[in-house]
N, C-alpha and C. Protein backbone atom coordinates (compact mmCIF):
# COMPACT_ATOMS: atom_id res chain seq x y z
N MET A 1 109.33 108.77 107.00
CA MET A 1 108.77 107.44 107.01
C MET A 1 109.81 106.37 106.66
N SER A 2 111.07 106.69 106.89
CA SER A 2 112.12 105.71 106.58
C SER A 2 111.97 104.45 107.42
N HIS A 3 111.40 104.58 108.61
CA HIS A 3 111.18 103.41 109.46
C HIS A 3 110.25 102.42 108.75
N LEU A 4 109.19 102.93 108.14
CA LEU A 4 108.26 102.05 107.43
C LEU A 4 108.90 101.42 106.20
N ARG A 5 109.73 102.17 105.51
CA ARG A 5 110.43 101.61 104.34
C ARG A 5 111.40 100.53 104.77
N ARG A 6 112.15 100.79 105.84
CA ARG A 6 113.11 99.77 106.32
C ARG A 6 112.39 98.52 106.78
N ALA A 7 111.21 98.69 107.39
CA ALA A 7 110.44 97.54 107.85
C ALA A 7 109.63 96.91 106.72
N ARG A 8 109.65 97.55 105.55
CA ARG A 8 108.90 97.08 104.38
C ARG A 8 107.44 96.82 104.73
N THR A 9 106.80 97.85 105.26
CA THR A 9 105.42 97.73 105.67
C THR A 9 104.66 99.01 105.35
N THR A 10 103.36 98.93 105.47
CA THR A 10 102.52 100.11 105.28
C THR A 10 102.21 100.72 106.64
N TYR A 11 101.68 101.93 106.60
CA TYR A 11 101.32 102.60 107.84
C TYR A 11 100.27 101.79 108.59
N PHE A 12 99.25 101.31 107.88
CA PHE A 12 98.17 100.57 108.54
C PHE A 12 98.66 99.25 109.13
N LYS A 13 99.46 98.51 108.37
CA LYS A 13 99.99 97.24 108.89
C LYS A 13 100.86 97.50 110.11
N HIS A 14 101.66 98.54 110.05
CA HIS A 14 102.50 98.90 111.20
C HIS A 14 101.64 99.23 112.41
N PHE A 15 100.57 99.99 112.20
CA PHE A 15 99.66 100.35 113.28
C PHE A 15 99.04 99.10 113.92
N VAL A 16 98.58 98.18 113.09
CA VAL A 16 97.93 96.97 113.61
C VAL A 16 98.92 96.14 114.41
N TYR A 17 100.09 95.88 113.85
CA TYR A 17 101.08 95.07 114.55
C TYR A 17 101.58 95.76 115.82
N ALA A 18 101.85 97.06 115.73
CA ALA A 18 102.35 97.78 116.91
C ALA A 18 101.31 97.79 118.02
N SER A 19 100.05 97.96 117.67
CA SER A 19 98.99 97.94 118.68
C SER A 19 98.89 96.57 119.33
N TYR A 20 98.93 95.53 118.53
CA TYR A 20 98.86 94.16 119.04
C TYR A 20 100.03 93.87 119.98
N TYR A 21 101.23 94.22 119.56
CA TYR A 21 102.40 93.96 120.39
C TYR A 21 102.41 94.81 121.65
N ASN A 22 101.87 96.01 121.59
CA ASN A 22 101.77 96.83 122.79
C ASN A 22 100.79 96.24 123.79
N TRP A 23 99.68 95.68 123.31
CA TRP A 23 98.75 95.02 124.23
C TRP A 23 99.40 93.78 124.85
N LEU A 24 100.17 93.06 124.07
CA LEU A 24 100.90 91.92 124.65
C LEU A 24 101.88 92.40 125.72
N ALA A 25 102.51 93.55 125.50
CA ALA A 25 103.44 94.09 126.49
C ALA A 25 102.71 94.45 127.78
N VAL A 26 101.51 94.98 127.66
CA VAL A 26 100.71 95.28 128.85
C VAL A 26 100.41 93.99 129.61
N LEU A 27 100.05 92.95 128.86
CA LEU A 27 99.78 91.65 129.50
C LEU A 27 101.02 91.09 130.17
N ILE A 28 102.20 91.32 129.58
CA ILE A 28 103.45 90.87 130.19
C ILE A 28 103.62 91.54 131.55
N VAL A 29 103.38 92.84 131.61
CA VAL A 29 103.52 93.58 132.88
C VAL A 29 102.53 93.06 133.91
N VAL A 30 101.28 92.92 133.52
CA VAL A 30 100.25 92.48 134.46
C VAL A 30 100.52 91.07 134.96
N THR A 31 100.74 90.14 134.04
CA THR A 31 100.99 88.76 134.47
C THR A 31 102.32 88.63 135.21
N GLY A 32 103.30 89.44 134.84
CA GLY A 32 104.59 89.41 135.54
C GLY A 32 104.48 89.90 136.97
N LEU A 33 103.70 90.96 137.18
CA LEU A 33 103.50 91.46 138.54
C LEU A 33 102.73 90.46 139.39
N ILE A 34 101.70 89.86 138.82
CA ILE A 34 100.95 88.84 139.56
C ILE A 34 101.86 87.66 139.88
N HIS A 35 102.64 87.24 138.92
CA HIS A 35 103.55 86.11 139.13
C HIS A 35 104.60 86.43 140.20
N SER A 36 105.03 87.68 140.29
CA SER A 36 106.04 88.02 141.30
C SER A 36 105.51 87.86 142.72
N VAL A 37 104.20 88.03 142.88
CA VAL A 37 103.58 87.87 144.21
C VAL A 37 103.13 86.43 144.42
N PHE A 38 102.58 85.83 143.39
CA PHE A 38 102.09 84.46 143.45
C PHE A 38 102.84 83.63 142.39
N PRO A 39 104.01 83.11 142.74
CA PRO A 39 104.87 82.44 141.76
C PRO A 39 104.22 81.22 141.09
N PHE A 40 103.18 80.68 141.67
CA PHE A 40 102.53 79.51 141.09
C PHE A 40 101.47 79.89 140.07
N TRP A 41 101.20 81.18 139.89
CA TRP A 41 100.28 81.67 138.85
C TRP A 41 101.10 82.23 137.69
N PHE A 42 100.65 82.00 136.49
CA PHE A 42 101.29 82.53 135.28
C PHE A 42 102.79 82.20 135.25
N GLU A 43 103.10 80.95 135.52
CA GLU A 43 104.50 80.54 135.68
C GLU A 43 105.39 80.92 134.50
N PHE A 44 104.93 80.71 133.28
CA PHE A 44 105.75 81.03 132.11
C PHE A 44 105.05 81.99 131.16
N THR A 45 103.93 82.55 131.57
CA THR A 45 103.15 83.41 130.68
C THR A 45 103.91 84.65 130.24
N PRO A 46 104.57 85.41 131.13
CA PRO A 46 105.31 86.58 130.65
C PRO A 46 106.39 86.22 129.63
N TYR A 47 107.09 85.13 129.87
CA TYR A 47 108.13 84.68 128.94
C TYR A 47 107.52 84.33 127.59
N ARG A 48 106.41 83.57 127.59
CA ARG A 48 105.78 83.16 126.34
C ARG A 48 105.26 84.37 125.55
N LEU A 49 104.69 85.33 126.26
CA LEU A 49 104.20 86.54 125.59
C LEU A 49 105.34 87.34 124.98
N ALA A 50 106.43 87.47 125.72
CA ALA A 50 107.59 88.21 125.21
C ALA A 50 108.17 87.50 123.98
N LYS A 51 108.22 86.18 124.04
CA LYS A 51 108.71 85.40 122.90
C LYS A 51 107.80 85.59 121.69
N LYS A 52 106.51 85.68 121.93
CA LYS A 52 105.56 85.90 120.84
C LYS A 52 105.83 87.24 120.14
N ILE A 53 106.17 88.26 120.92
CA ILE A 53 106.51 89.57 120.34
C ILE A 53 107.78 89.46 119.51
N VAL A 54 108.81 88.86 120.07
CA VAL A 54 110.09 88.74 119.35
C VAL A 54 109.92 87.90 118.09
N ASP A 55 109.29 86.76 118.20
CA ASP A 55 109.11 85.88 117.04
C ASP A 55 108.27 86.57 115.96
N GLY A 56 107.23 87.28 116.37
CA GLY A 56 106.36 87.95 115.40
C GLY A 56 107.06 89.09 114.68
N THR A 57 107.82 89.88 115.40
CA THR A 57 108.50 90.99 114.74
C THR A 57 109.62 90.48 113.84
N GLU A 58 110.30 89.43 114.25
CA GLU A 58 111.34 88.87 113.38
C GLU A 58 110.72 88.28 112.12
N LYS A 59 109.59 87.63 112.24
CA LYS A 59 108.94 87.02 111.09
C LYS A 59 108.38 88.08 110.13
N ASN A 60 107.79 89.12 110.67
CA ASN A 60 107.08 90.08 109.84
C ASN A 60 107.89 91.30 109.42
N PHE A 61 108.93 91.64 110.17
CA PHE A 61 109.59 92.91 109.89
C PHE A 61 111.10 92.85 109.71
N ILE A 62 111.76 91.83 110.14
CA ILE A 62 113.22 91.75 109.99
C ILE A 62 113.50 91.06 108.66
N ASN A 63 114.08 91.79 107.74
CA ASN A 63 114.32 91.22 106.42
C ASN A 63 115.79 91.27 106.04
N ASP A 64 116.67 91.20 107.00
CA ASP A 64 118.10 91.27 106.71
C ASP A 64 118.65 89.91 106.33
């Protein structure tokens, strides 16, 4: 469980955040594929979702 110690989190908190970020990743794939066919739909949605993942993990888990 050194990963949890390094992230300074509990198993449950890690589960909740990882599940949330994984669902956002699924949305990135779906909206990205739709956007690749219809460029006028979801113009910046995949980018914003990816940024939400990066910003959230840096805020909650990066403590360097």
